[in-house]
Every structure is written in C-alpha cells, then in structure tokens.
C-alpha atoms as a PDB file:
ATOM      1  CA  MET A   1    -166.204 -35.414 -66.003  1.00  0.00           C
ATOM      2  CA  ALA A   2    -162.717 -34.374 -67.090  1.00  0.00           C
ATOM      3  CA  GLN A   3    -161.881 -30.702 -66.631  1.00  0.00           C
ATOM      4  CA  HIS A   4    -161.392 -30.155 -70.355  1.00  0.00           C
ATOM      5  CA  GLU A   5    -164.981 -31.336 -70.932  1.00  0.00           C
ATOM      6  CA  LEU A   6    -166.594 -28.839 -68.538  1.00  0.00           C
ATOM      7  CA  PHE A   7    -166.847 -26.056 -71.124  1.00  0.00           C
ATOM      8  CA  ASP A   8    -167.375 -28.258 -74.180  1.00  0.00           C
ATOM      9  CA  LEU A   9    -170.480 -27.266 -76.159  1.00  0.00           C
ATOM     10  CA  GLU A  10    -169.973 -29.699 -79.021  1.00  0.00           C
ATOM     11  CA  GLY A  11    -173.378 -30.692 -80.374  1.00  0.00           C
ATOM     12  CA  ARG A  12    -175.365 -28.373 -78.090  1.00  0.00           C
ATOM     13  CA  ILE A  13    -178.179 -26.434 -79.763  1.00  0.00           C
ATOM     14  CA  VAL A  14    -178.063 -22.773 -78.723  1.00  0.00           C
ATOM     15  CA  LEU A  15    -180.940 -20.430 -79.611  1.00  0.00           C
ATOM     16  CA  ILE A  16    -180.113 -16.721 -79.370  1.00  0.00           C
ATOM     17  CA  THR A  17    -182.538 -13.813 -79.665  1.00  0.00           C
ATOM     18  CA  GLY A  18    -181.160 -10.452 -80.730  1.00  0.00           C
ATOM     19  CA  ALA A  19    -178.364 -12.444 -82.347  1.00  0.00           C
ATOM     20  CA  ALA A  20    -177.319  -9.725 -84.792  1.00  0.00           C
ATOM     21  CA  GLY A  21    -176.772  -7.073 -82.095  1.00  0.00           C
ATOM     22  CA  GLY A  22    -173.447  -6.301 -80.449  1.00  0.00           C
ATOM     23  CA  ILE A  23    -173.586  -8.747 -77.537  1.00  0.00           C
ATOM     24  CA  GLY A  24    -175.701 -11.258 -79.451  1.00  0.00           C
ATOM     25  CA  ALA A  25    -173.234 -11.448 -82.349  1.00  0.00           C
ATOM     26  CA  ALA A  26    -170.240 -11.806 -80.008  1.00  0.00           C
ATOM     27  CA  LEU A  27    -171.935 -14.667 -78.177  1.00  0.00           C
ATOM     28  CA  SER A  28    -173.030 -16.321 -81.427  1.00  0.00           C
ATOM     29  CA  ARG A  29    -169.435 -16.404 -82.674  1.00  0.00           C
ATOM     30  CA  ALA A  30    -168.175 -17.711 -79.335  1.00  0.00           C
ATOM     31  CA  TYR A  31    -170.742 -20.502 -79.149  1.00  0.00           C
ATOM     32  CA  ALA A  32    -169.950 -21.491 -82.727  1.00  0.00           C
ATOM     33  CA  GLN A  33    -166.233 -21.682 -81.904  1.00  0.00           C
ATOM     34  CA  ALA A  34    -167.106 -23.852 -78.886  1.00  0.00           C
ATOM     35  CA  GLY A  35    -168.794 -26.371 -81.187  1.00  0.00           C
ATOM     36  CA  ALA A  36    -172.450 -25.487 -80.717  1.00  0.00           C
ATOM     37  CA  THR A  37    -175.179 -25.574 -83.340  1.00  0.00           C
ATOM     38  CA  LEU A  38    -176.646 -22.071 -83.632  1.00  0.00           C
ATOM     39  CA  VAL A  39    -180.266 -21.004 -84.007  1.00  0.00           C
ATOM     40  CA  LEU A  40    -180.037 -17.265 -84.659  1.00  0.00           C
ATOM     41  CA  THR A  41    -183.093 -15.044 -84.308  1.00  0.00           C
ATOM     42  CA  ASP A  42    -183.491 -11.314 -84.759  1.00  0.00           C
ATOM     43  CA  LEU A  43    -185.492  -8.865 -86.810  1.00  0.00           C
ATOM     44  CA  ALA A  44    -185.216  -9.724 -90.488  1.00  0.00           C
ATOM     45  CA  GLY A  45    -182.369  -7.864 -92.126  1.00  0.00           C
ATOM     46  CA  GLU A  46    -178.915  -7.842 -93.625  1.00  0.00           C
ATOM     47  CA  LYS A  47    -177.123  -8.102 -90.269  1.00  0.00           C
ATOM     48  CA  LEU A  48    -178.834 -11.376 -89.384  1.00  0.00           C
ATOM     49  CA  ASP A  49    -178.256 -12.803 -92.857  1.00  0.00           C
ATOM     50  CA  ALA A  50    -174.593 -11.749 -92.824  1.00  0.00           C
ATOM     51  CA  LEU A  51    -173.954 -13.275 -89.401  1.00  0.00           C
ATOM     52  CA  ALA A  52    -175.592 -16.568 -90.370  1.00  0.00           C
ATOM     53  CA  SER A  53    -173.550 -16.677 -93.579  1.00  0.00           C
ATOM     54  CA  GLU A  54    -170.333 -15.918 -91.673  1.00  0.00           C
ATOM     55  CA  LEU A  55    -170.924 -18.705 -89.151  1.00  0.00           C
ATOM     56  CA  ARG A  56    -171.875 -21.234 -91.831  1.00  0.00           C
ATOM     57  CA  GLY A  57    -168.712 -20.258 -93.685  1.00  0.00           C
ATOM     58  CA  SER A  58    -166.696 -21.034 -90.550  1.00  0.00           C
ATOM     59  CA  GLY A  59    -168.202 -24.524 -90.461  1.00  0.00           C
ATOM     60  CA  ALA A  60    -170.844 -23.992 -87.791  1.00  0.00           C
ATOM     61  CA  LYS A  61    -174.224 -25.615 -88.254  1.00  0.00           C
ATOM     62  CA  THR A  62    -176.524 -22.595 -88.245  1.00  0.00           C
ATOM     63  CA  GLY A  63    -180.177 -21.765 -88.756  1.00  0.00           C
ATOM     64  CA  SER A  64    -181.558 -18.223 -88.832  1.00  0.00           C
ATOM     65  CA  TYR A  65    -185.098 -16.960 -88.342  1.00  0.00           C
ATOM     66  CA  ALA A  66    -186.771 -13.554 -88.357  1.00  0.00           C
ATOM     67  CA  LEU A  67    -188.496 -13.019 -85.017  1.00  0.00           C
ATOM     68  CA  GLN A  68    -190.267 -10.340 -83.018  1.00  0.00           C
ATOM     69  CA  VAL A  69    -189.977 -11.608 -79.448  1.00  0.00           C
ATOM     70  CA  GLU A  70    -193.005  -9.659 -78.223  1.00  0.00           C
ATOM     71  CA  ASP A  71    -195.174 -11.954 -80.387  1.00  0.00           C
ATOM     72  CA  ARG A  72    -195.788 -15.053 -78.245  1.00  0.00           C
ATOM     73  CA  ALA A  73    -197.108 -17.179 -81.100  1.00  0.00           C
ATOM     74  CA  ALA A  74    -194.065 -16.310 -83.235  1.00  0.00           C
ATOM     75  CA  CYS A  75    -191.730 -17.334 -80.393  1.00  0.00           C
ATOM     76  CA  ALA A  76    -193.473 -20.695 -80.080  1.00  0.00           C
ATOM     77  CA  ALA A  77    -193.300 -21.197 -83.848  1.00  0.00           C
ATOM     78  CA  VAL A  78    -189.541 -20.500 -83.985  1.00  0.00           C
ATOM     79  CA  VAL A  79    -188.881 -22.958 -81.164  1.00  0.00           C
ATOM     80  CA  ASP A  80    -191.010 -25.570 -82.945  1.00  0.00           C
ATOM     81  CA  GLU A  81    -188.958 -25.028 -86.119  1.00  0.00           C
ATOM     82  CA  ALA A  82    -185.705 -25.347 -84.174  1.00  0.00           C
ATOM     83  CA  VAL A  83    -186.860 -28.568 -82.531  1.00  0.00           C
ATOM     84  CA  ALA A  84    -187.937 -29.988 -85.891  1.00  0.00           C
ATOM     85  CA  ALA A  85    -184.705 -28.966 -87.621  1.00  0.00           C
ATOM     86  CA  PHE A  86    -182.147 -29.720 -84.902  1.00  0.00           C
ATOM     87  CA  GLY A  87    -183.865 -32.001 -82.397  1.00  0.00           C
ATOM     88  CA  GLY A  88    -184.302 -29.585 -79.521  1.00  0.00           C
ATOM     89  CA  VAL A  89    -182.964 -26.514 -77.765  1.00  0.00           C
ATOM     90  CA  ASP A  90    -180.279 -27.048 -75.130  1.00  0.00           C
ATOM     91  CA  VAL A  91    -179.515 -23.409 -74.382  1.00  0.00           C
ATOM     92  CA  LEU A  92    -181.652 -20.274 -74.752  1.00  0.00           C
ATOM     93  CA  VAL A  93    -179.932 -16.875 -74.645  1.00  0.00           C
ATOM     94  CA  ASN A  94    -182.287 -13.887 -74.464  1.00  0.00           C
ATOM     95  CA  CYS A  95    -180.302 -10.974 -75.933  1.00  0.00           C
ATOM     96  CA  ALA A  96    -183.053  -9.005 -77.680  1.00  0.00           C
ATOM     97  CA  GLY A  97    -183.454  -5.565 -76.130  1.00  0.00           C
ATOM     98  CA  VAL A  98    -184.249  -1.909 -76.787  1.00  0.00           C
ATOM     99  CA  ASN A  99    -184.057   1.382 -74.912  1.00  0.00           C
ATOM    100  CA  THR A 100    -185.321   4.925 -75.330  1.00  0.00           C
ATOM    101  CA  ARG A 101    -183.868   7.573 -73.029  1.00  0.00           C
ATOM    102  CA  MET A 102    -186.266  10.168 -71.647  1.00  0.00           C
ATOM    103  CA  ARG A 103    -187.601  11.534 -68.386  1.00  0.00           C
ATOM    104  CA  PRO A 104    -190.454   9.454 -66.922  1.00  0.00           C
ATOM    105  CA  GLU A 105    -193.073  12.165 -67.339  1.00  0.00           C
ATOM    106  CA  GLN A 106    -192.372  12.224 -71.081  1.00  0.00           C
ATOM    107  CA  TYR A 107    -193.157   8.579 -71.935  1.00  0.00           C
ATOM    108  CA  ALA A 108    -195.968   8.039 -74.386  1.00  0.00           C
ATOM    109  CA  GLU A 109    -197.788   4.766 -73.759  1.00  0.00           C
ATOM    110  CA  ASP A 110    -196.519   3.139 -76.943  1.00  0.00           C
ATOM    111  CA  VAL A 111    -192.865   3.981 -76.141  1.00  0.00           C
ATOM    112  CA  TRP A 112    -193.173   2.525 -72.626  1.00  0.00           C
ATOM    113  CA  ASP A 113    -195.002  -0.563 -73.897  1.00  0.00           C
ATOM    114  CA  ARG A 114    -192.428  -1.289 -76.613  1.00  0.00           C
ATOM    115  CA  ILE A 115    -189.544  -1.375 -74.115  1.00  0.00           C
ATOM    116  CA  ILE A 116    -191.418  -3.574 -71.643  1.00  0.00           C
ATOM    117  CA  ASP A 117    -192.782  -5.826 -74.400  1.00  0.00           C
ATOM    118  CA  ILE A 118    -189.412  -6.538 -76.017  1.00  0.00           C
ATOM    119  CA  ASN A 119    -187.152  -6.619 -72.963  1.00  0.00           C
ATOM    120  CA  LEU A 120    -189.393  -8.319 -70.385  1.00  0.00           C
ATOM    121  CA  LYS A 121    -192.352  -9.898 -72.151  1.00  0.00           C
ATOM    122  CA  GLY A 122    -190.090 -11.078 -74.976  1.00  0.00           C
ATOM    123  CA  SER A 123    -187.764 -12.817 -72.528  1.00  0.00           C
ATOM    124  CA  PHE A 124    -190.715 -14.525 -70.851  1.00  0.00           C
ATOM    125  CA  ASN A 125    -192.221 -15.530 -74.194  1.00  0.00           C
ATOM    126  CA  MET A 126    -189.029 -17.294 -75.208  1.00  0.00           C
ATOM    127  CA  CYS A 127    -188.535 -18.953 -71.827  1.00  0.00           C
ATOM    128  CA  GLN A 128    -192.083 -20.271 -71.933  1.00  0.00           C
ATOM    129  CA  ALA A 129    -191.651 -21.416 -75.535  1.00  0.00           C
ATOM    130  CA  VAL A 130    -188.572 -23.578 -74.807  1.00  0.00           C
ATOM    131  CA  HIS A 131    -189.839 -25.043 -71.549  1.00  0.00           C
ATOM    132  CA  ALA A 132    -191.716 -28.045 -72.926  1.00  0.00           C
ATOM    133  CA  SER A 133    -188.772 -29.180 -75.069  1.00  0.00           C
ATOM    134  CA  MET A 134    -186.287 -28.766 -72.230  1.00  0.00           C
ATOM    135  CA  GLN A 135    -188.605 -30.413 -69.718  1.00  0.00           C
ATOM    136  CA  ALA A 136    -189.099 -33.433 -71.985  1.00  0.00           C
ATOM    137  CA  ARG A 137    -185.317 -33.894 -72.210  1.00  0.00           C
ATOM    138  CA  ARG A 138    -184.825 -33.186 -68.471  1.00  0.00           C
ATOM    139  CA  LYS A 139    -182.152 -30.624 -69.225  1.00  0.00           C
ATOM    140  CA  GLY A 140    -181.773 -27.080 -70.417  1.00  0.00           C
ATOM    141  CA  LYS A 141    -180.021 -23.803 -69.727  1.00  0.00           C
ATOM    142  CA  ILE A 142    -181.581 -20.357 -70.015  1.00  0.00           C
ATOM    143  CA  ILE A 143    -179.371 -17.277 -69.957  1.00  0.00           C
ATOM    144  CA  ASN A 144    -181.103 -13.911 -69.776  1.00  0.00           C
ATOM    145  CA  ILE A 145    -179.187 -10.748 -70.598  1.00  0.00           C
ATOM    146  CA  GLY A 146    -180.107  -8.087 -68.079  1.00  0.00           C
ATOM    147  CA  SER A 147    -178.320  -4.865 -67.152  1.00  0.00           C
ATOM    148  CA  ILE A 148    -176.761  -3.155 -64.158  1.00  0.00           C
ATOM    149  CA  LEU A 149    -179.726  -0.788 -64.544  1.00  0.00           C
ATOM    150  CA  ALA A 150    -181.733  -3.580 -62.897  1.00  0.00           C
ATOM    151  CA  LEU A 151    -179.635  -2.911 -59.783  1.00  0.00           C
ATOM    152  CA  ALA A 152    -179.374   0.880 -59.917  1.00  0.00           C
ATOM    153  CA  SER A 153    -180.917   3.486 -62.181  1.00  0.00           C
ATOM    154  CA  ASN A 154    -181.004   7.115 -63.304  1.00  0.00           C
ATOM    155  CA  ALA A 155    -183.552   9.748 -64.272  1.00  0.00           C
ATOM    156  CA  MET A 156    -183.597   8.851 -67.979  1.00  0.00           C
ATOM    157  CA  THR A 157    -184.121   5.062 -67.989  1.00  0.00           C
ATOM    158  CA  ALA A 158    -187.354   4.358 -66.095  1.00  0.00           C
ATOM    159  CA  ALA A 159    -188.784   1.910 -68.634  1.00  0.00           C
ATOM    160  CA  TYR A 160    -185.491   0.172 -69.367  1.00  0.00           C
ATOM    161  CA  SER A 161    -184.629  -0.178 -65.688  1.00  0.00           C
ATOM    162  CA  ALA A 162    -188.108  -1.487 -64.912  1.00  0.00           C
ATOM    163  CA  SER A 163    -187.872  -4.021 -67.739  1.00  0.00           C
ATOM    164  CA  LYS A 164    -184.443  -5.266 -66.677  1.00  0.00           C
ATOM    165  CA  GLY A 165    -185.466  -5.371 -63.019  1.00  0.00           C
ATOM    166  CA  GLY A 166    -188.336  -7.538 -64.199  1.00  0.00           C
ATOM    167  CA  VAL A 167    -185.911  -9.811 -66.064  1.00  0.00           C
ATOM    168  CA  LEU A 168    -183.902 -10.265 -62.859  1.00  0.00           C
ATOM    169  CA  GLN A 169    -186.976 -11.317 -60.872  1.00  0.00           C
ATOM    170  CA  LEU A 170    -188.259 -13.432 -63.769  1.00  0.00           C
ATOM    171  CA  THR A 171    -184.933 -15.259 -63.743  1.00  0.00           C
ATOM    172  CA  ARG A 172    -185.223 -16.011 -60.038  1.00  0.00           C
ATOM    173  CA  SER A 173    -188.835 -17.155 -60.291  1.00  0.00           C
ATOM    174  CA  LEU A 174    -188.214 -19.465 -63.246  1.00  0.00           C
ATOM    175  CA  ALA A 175    -185.120 -20.875 -61.538  1.00  0.00           C
ATOM    176  CA  CYS A 176    -187.301 -21.899 -58.591  1.00  0.00           C
ATOM    177  CA  ALA A 177    -190.108 -23.228 -60.792  1.00  0.00           C
ATOM    178  CA  TRP A 178    -188.038 -25.227 -63.259  1.00  0.00           C
ATOM    179  CA  ALA A 179    -185.096 -26.610 -61.267  1.00  0.00           C
ATOM    180  CA  ALA A 180    -186.970 -29.884 -60.805  1.00  0.00           C
ATOM    181  CA  ASP A 181    -187.274 -30.108 -64.601  1.00  0.00           C
ATOM    182  CA  GLY A 182    -183.487 -30.040 -64.973  1.00  0.00           C
ATOM    183  CA  ILE A 183    -183.520 -26.446 -66.267  1.00  0.00           C
ATOM    184  CA  THR A 184    -181.194 -23.747 -64.934  1.00  0.00           C
ATOM    185  CA  VAL A 185    -182.027 -20.066 -65.376  1.00  0.00           C
ATOM    186  CA  ASN A 186    -179.442 -17.333 -64.785  1.00  0.00           C
ATOM    187  CA  VAL A 187    -178.980 -13.699 -65.779  1.00  0.00           C
ATOM    188  CA  ILE A 188    -175.895 -11.776 -66.889  1.00  0.00           C
ATOM    189  CA  GLN A 189    -175.921  -8.091 -65.899  1.00  0.00           C
ATOM    190  CA  PRO A 190    -173.677  -6.136 -68.288  1.00  0.00           C
ATOM    191  CA  GLY A 191    -172.358  -2.735 -67.348  1.00  0.00           C
ATOM    192  CA  TRP A 192    -171.551  -0.011 -69.869  1.00  0.00           C
ATOM    193  CA  ILE A 193    -170.830  -1.983 -73.040  1.00  0.00           C
ATOM    194  CA  ASP A 194    -169.785  -0.462 -76.368  1.00  0.00           C
ATOM    195  CA  THR A 195    -172.774  -1.397 -78.563  1.00  0.00           C
ATOM    196  CA  ALA A 196    -175.141   0.474 -80.857  1.00  0.00           C
ATOM    197  CA  LEU A 197    -177.563   0.782 -77.924  1.00  0.00           C
ATOM    198  CA  SER A 198    -175.027   2.692 -75.809  1.00  0.00           C
ATOM    199  CA  ARG A 199    -173.388   4.665 -78.609  1.00  0.00           C
ATOM    200  CA  GLN A 200    -176.498   6.775 -79.087  1.00  0.00           C
ATOM    201  CA  ALA A 201    -176.360   7.799 -75.425  1.00  0.00           C
ATOM    202  CA  ARG A 202    -172.809   9.012 -75.966  1.00  0.00           C
ATOM    203  CA  VAL A 203    -174.044  11.183 -78.814  1.00  0.00           C
ATOM    204  CA  ASP A 204    -177.042  12.502 -76.882  1.00  0.00           C
ATOM    205  CA  ILE A 205    -175.319  13.185 -73.548  1.00  0.00           C
ATOM    206  CA  PRO A 206    -172.243  15.457 -73.552  1.00  0.00           C
ATOM    207  CA  GLY A 207    -169.449  13.979 -71.464  1.00  0.00           C
ATOM    208  CA  HIS A 208    -171.187  10.623 -70.978  1.00  0.00           C
ATOM    209  CA  ALA A 209    -168.363   8.537 -72.449  1.00  0.00           C
ATOM    210  CA  GLU A 210    -165.813  10.204 -70.184  1.00  0.00           C
ATOM    211  CA  ARG A 211    -168.004   9.840 -67.073  1.00  0.00           C
ATOM    212  CA  VAL A 212    -168.397   6.108 -67.694  1.00  0.00           C
ATOM    213  CA  VAL A 213    -164.623   5.664 -67.829  1.00  0.00           C
ATOM    214  CA  ALA A 214    -164.154   7.820 -64.718  1.00  0.00           C
ATOM    215  CA  THR A 215    -166.704   5.852 -62.658  1.00  0.00           C
ATOM    216  CA  THR A 216    -165.627   2.390 -63.830  1.00  0.00           C
ATOM    217  CA  PRO A 217    -162.818   1.088 -61.578  1.00  0.00           C
ATOM    218  CA  MET A 218    -161.297  -0.821 -64.500  1.00  0.00           C
ATOM    219  CA  GLY A 219    -161.100   2.468 -66.399  1.00  0.00           C
ATOM    220  CA  ARG A 220    -162.719   1.560 -69.707  1.00  0.00           C
ATOM    221  CA  TRP A 221    -165.943   0.762 -71.519  1.00  0.00           C
ATOM    222  CA  GLY A 222    -166.772  -2.907 -71.779  1.00  0.00           C
ATOM    223  CA  GLU A 223    -166.727  -4.710 -75.116  1.00  0.00           C
ATOM    224  CA  PRO A 224    -169.311  -7.280 -76.261  1.00  0.00           C
ATOM    225  CA  GLU A 225    -166.527  -9.882 -76.054  1.00  0.00           C
ATOM    226  CA  ASP A 226    -166.341  -9.282 -72.288  1.00  0.00           C
ATOM    227  CA  MET A 227    -169.644 -11.170 -72.029  1.00  0.00           C
ATOM    228  CA  VAL A 228    -168.266 -14.287 -73.739  1.00  0.00           C
ATOM    229  CA  GLY A 229    -166.629 -15.941 -70.722  1.00  0.00           C
ATOM    230  CA  PRO A 230    -169.681 -15.757 -68.444  1.00  0.00           C
ATOM    231  CA  ALA A 231    -171.998 -16.794 -71.282  1.00  0.00           C
ATOM    232  CA  LEU A 232    -169.892 -19.859 -72.141  1.00  0.00           C
ATOM    233  CA  PHE A 233    -169.729 -20.794 -68.459  1.00  0.00           C
ATOM    234  CA  LEU A 234    -173.503 -20.540 -67.965  1.00  0.00           C
ATOM    235  CA  ALA A 235    -174.164 -22.595 -71.113  1.00  0.00           C
ATOM    236  CA  SER A 236    -171.778 -25.369 -70.099  1.00  0.00           C
ATOM    237  CA  ALA A 237    -171.665 -28.235 -67.623  1.00  0.00           C
ATOM    238  CA  ALA A 238    -169.373 -26.099 -65.455  1.00  0.00           C
ATOM    239  CA  SER A 239    -172.468 -24.242 -64.163  1.00  0.00           C
ATOM    240  CA  ASP A 240    -174.753 -27.232 -63.633  1.00  0.00           C
ATOM    241  CA  PHE A 241    -175.341 -26.461 -59.925  1.00  0.00           C
ATOM    242  CA  MET A 242    -175.927 -22.759 -60.524  1.00  0.00           C
ATOM    243  CA  THR A 243    -179.422 -21.343 -60.996  1.00  0.00           C
ATOM    244  CA  GLY A 244    -181.213 -18.123 -60.131  1.00  0.00           C
ATOM    245  CA  ALA A 245    -177.880 -16.292 -60.135  1.00  0.00           C
ATOM    246  CA  SER A 246    -177.221 -12.709 -61.189  1.00  0.00           C
ATOM    247  CA  VAL A 247    -173.761 -12.441 -62.743  1.00  0.00           C
ATOM    248  CA  VAL A 248    -172.573  -8.828 -62.865  1.00  0.00           C
ATOM    249  CA  VAL A 249    -170.008  -8.029 -65.575  1.00  0.00           C
ATOM    250  CA  ASP A 250    -169.442  -4.287 -65.301  1.00  0.00           C
ATOM    251  CA  GLY A 251    -165.772  -3.507 -64.689  1.00  0.00           C
ATOM    252  CA  GLY A 252    -166.591  -2.726 -61.053  1.00  0.00           C
ATOM    253  CA  VAL A 253    -169.207   0.000 -61.600  1.00  0.00           C
ATOM    254  CA  THR A 254    -171.690  -1.378 -59.071  1.00  0.00           C
ATOM    255  CA  ALA A 255    -168.911  -1.884 -56.504  1.00  0.00           C
ATOM    256  CA  HIS A 256    -167.927   1.780 -56.735  1.00  0.00           C
ATOM    257  CA  ILE A 257    -169.259   4.491 -54.405  1.00  0.00           C
END
C-alpha cells in the first residue's frame, strides 16, 4: 500500500456515538473531511440535527439517529439501520459519556448507575451490536474514548473513573476476543479537554482551570481537535497491526510527577 493511502478513509462507514458533543463533533468533521460516510448518533436534539446538516452541506454522506446507548435493543436497531442504509459499519467510535462530580459517600444509586450505564455499558452495547456485521466482513475497527481518569483518579470522580477504567479493560478483552475476526479494538485516553463536560468543573472548582495548566507539561488545556490525529490513525489502515492499545493524549499530564 502506498503511503498516501494509509490514512485514506474514502468510502469507509464510521458510526459515532455522542457525535454532537465536543470530541464527537470534532471527530465527525475530521472523518467527513477524510472521505468517510458518517452515521451520527446522539440524544435527539438541535445539536445533532445541526451537525448532520453541516456535514451534508459539505458533501459528506451522512445519516443521523437518536440513540440512548444504555438501551441495548436501541443500539442493535441503530446498527441494523446503518447496515441496511450504508452496507455495514467499518469503524465504531464510542464517544458518548457523562460525569457527575461528588464525593463517593454522596452518590445516590441512580446517579452512579447512570454514569456506569452510559460510559461503560453503553460502550459494550455498541461494540456487541457491531460485532456480527464486522465479523461477517472480516474487518472492523472499534475506537473507545476513555479518559486519563482510567489511569489515575481523584476524590470527586469515583463513578467516572470506575466507568473509564472499565472501558480500558473492556477494550483489552475485546481486542483479545475479536482479533481473529479481523476486528481491532483500541482506546484513546484524553486528558483535560475543553468541552462542555469539563467546563462545568471549572465553574464548580475555584482555581481548577489554572491548576490544569500548571500541571500539564505542555502548558494548556487540550482542544477536541487534539483527538483528531489519533482517531484518524486508529480508523485507518495505518493501525492495522495495533489492537488492545491505550493511546494517551493528555499534554503530558500522566508523565508528570
């Protein structure tokens, strides 16, 4: 394969959950620019509709579907629709995620369950839903979006850290189970990224924004666009011999003592 073809996604069908969020939208635009057909999923709303309209306007073949990833039957139904409409799913990107900051002794059961259900169960639901289609075609790439809070934690993120730690181990297990089916499974671990999810923490925690900059060797918050390079790589032929990997994109935070 010629070098210029390694990152070519022309004609690939990419299904993204949480597509209307900060990282999800950045990746959706990048995949569209790389020539992929997009299957956008998120909660129903104006953001999802606007993103789908934007990408169609740019010439990208795009479908959009309302989806709650914690509903296993709904995940299977969306994948079935994507297969019927576009012929299959080549790449799954699990971006859907939520967080609620509180001390562990304060979690009500429903708050804990919602974080685990969306972040961990939702990722598994989608992986399971695409498996049969990918297995039948003997190829497929799954990219989970994790967090550096899978690798280290703090007093206010017990449920989120547990869910993302679960995503890391899920990634490794599926990579072992499905390699023989031609499916690679990898996880990107973002650091402190400027999204709606992190902006609330900056409001709630005095000095948080400044501490992130001070403890990040590269001296800034990450942007959703910082995830584009790794996500394109993991979706492309350039990463064909890579599975079960944890790709940390955090400006050096986890390297810093």
